[in-house]
Amino acid sequence: MNDYSCGLMPLCGENPRVLILGSFPSVISVDKNEYYGNKHNHF
């Protein structure tokens, strides 16, 4: 059995002009299905 985490699907509009790369979302964010779902994230 593999122990690995799955992230969230990327967000993309029809004609993207900017690519923002970031780190892997936290477990809290993945559980909420939100990229910045952790209340301690100051983004």
C-alpha atoms as a PDB file:
ATOM      1  CA  MET A   1       0.000   0.000   0.000  1.00  0.00           C
ATOM      2  CA  ASN A   2       1.324   3.459  -0.907  1.00  0.00           C
ATOM      3  CA  ASP A   3       1.153   6.331   1.560  1.00  0.00           C
ATOM      4  CA  TYR A   4       0.705   9.486  -0.492  1.00  0.00           C
ATOM      5  CA  SER A   5      -1.543  12.516  -0.517  1.00  0.00           C
ATOM      6  CA  CYS A   6      -3.685  13.835  -3.325  1.00  0.00           C
ATOM      7  CA  GLY A   7      -3.941  17.560  -3.866  1.00  0.00           C
ATOM      8  CA  LEU A   8      -6.711  19.646  -5.351  1.00  0.00           C
ATOM      9  CA  MET A   9      -7.557  20.051  -9.021  1.00  0.00           C
ATOM     10  CA  PRO A  10      -5.997  23.114 -10.684  1.00  0.00           C
ATOM     11  CA  LEU A  11      -8.103  26.225 -11.245  1.00  0.00           C
ATOM     12  CA  CYS A  12      -7.982  27.636 -14.749  1.00  0.00           C
ATOM     13  CA  GLY A  13     -10.038  30.076 -16.800  1.00  0.00           C
ATOM     14  CA  GLU A  14     -10.570  30.035 -20.571  1.00  0.00           C
ATOM     15  CA  ASN A  15      -7.599  32.248 -21.512  1.00  0.00           C
ATOM     16  CA  PRO A  16      -5.045  32.194 -18.689  1.00  0.00           C
ATOM     17  CA  ARG A  17      -2.263  34.785 -18.879  1.00  0.00           C
ATOM     18  CA  VAL A  18      -0.549  34.159 -15.543  1.00  0.00           C
ATOM     19  CA  LEU A  19       0.643  30.904 -13.985  1.00  0.00           C
ATOM     20  CA  ILE A  20       0.949  30.861 -10.194  1.00  0.00           C
ATOM     21  CA  LEU A  21       2.928  27.958  -8.775  1.00  0.00           C
ATOM     22  CA  GLY A  22       2.700  27.109  -5.115  1.00  0.00           C
ATOM     23  CA  SER A  23       3.294  24.454  -2.566  1.00  0.00           C
ATOM     24  CA  PHE A  24       1.099  21.473  -1.845  1.00  0.00           C
ATOM     25  CA  PRO A  25      -2.116  22.419   0.039  1.00  0.00           C
ATOM     26  CA  SER A  26      -2.350  21.447   3.707  1.00  0.00           C
ATOM     27  CA  VAL A  27      -4.414  18.513   4.948  1.00  0.00           C
ATOM     28  CA  ILE A  28      -6.947  21.021   6.313  1.00  0.00           C
ATOM     29  CA  SER A  29      -7.254  22.694   2.891  1.00  0.00           C
ATOM     30  CA  VAL A  30      -7.676  19.360   1.114  1.00  0.00           C
ATOM     31  CA  ASP A  31     -10.343  18.282   3.649  1.00  0.00           C
ATOM     32  CA  LYS A  32     -12.236  21.556   3.007  1.00  0.00           C
ATOM     33  CA  ASN A  33     -11.570  21.305  -0.766  1.00  0.00           C
ATOM     34  CA  GLU A  34     -10.195  24.869  -0.706  1.00  0.00           C
ATOM     35  CA  TYR A  35      -6.697  25.971  -1.663  1.00  0.00           C
ATOM     36  CA  TYR A  36      -6.444  28.325   1.331  1.00  0.00           C
ATOM     37  CA  GLY A  37      -8.836  26.618   3.747  1.00  0.00           C
ATOM     38  CA  ASN A  38      -6.530  26.764   6.756  1.00  0.00           C
ATOM     39  CA  LYS A  39      -7.440  29.761   8.929  1.00  0.00           C
ATOM     40  CA  HIS A  40      -3.753  30.196   9.834  1.00  0.00           C
ATOM     41  CA  ASN A  41      -2.807  30.820   6.199  1.00  0.00           C
ATOM     42  CA  HIS A  42      -2.119  34.538   5.768  1.00  0.00           C
ATOM     43  CA  PHE A  43      -2.168  34.554   1.962  1.00  0.00           C
END
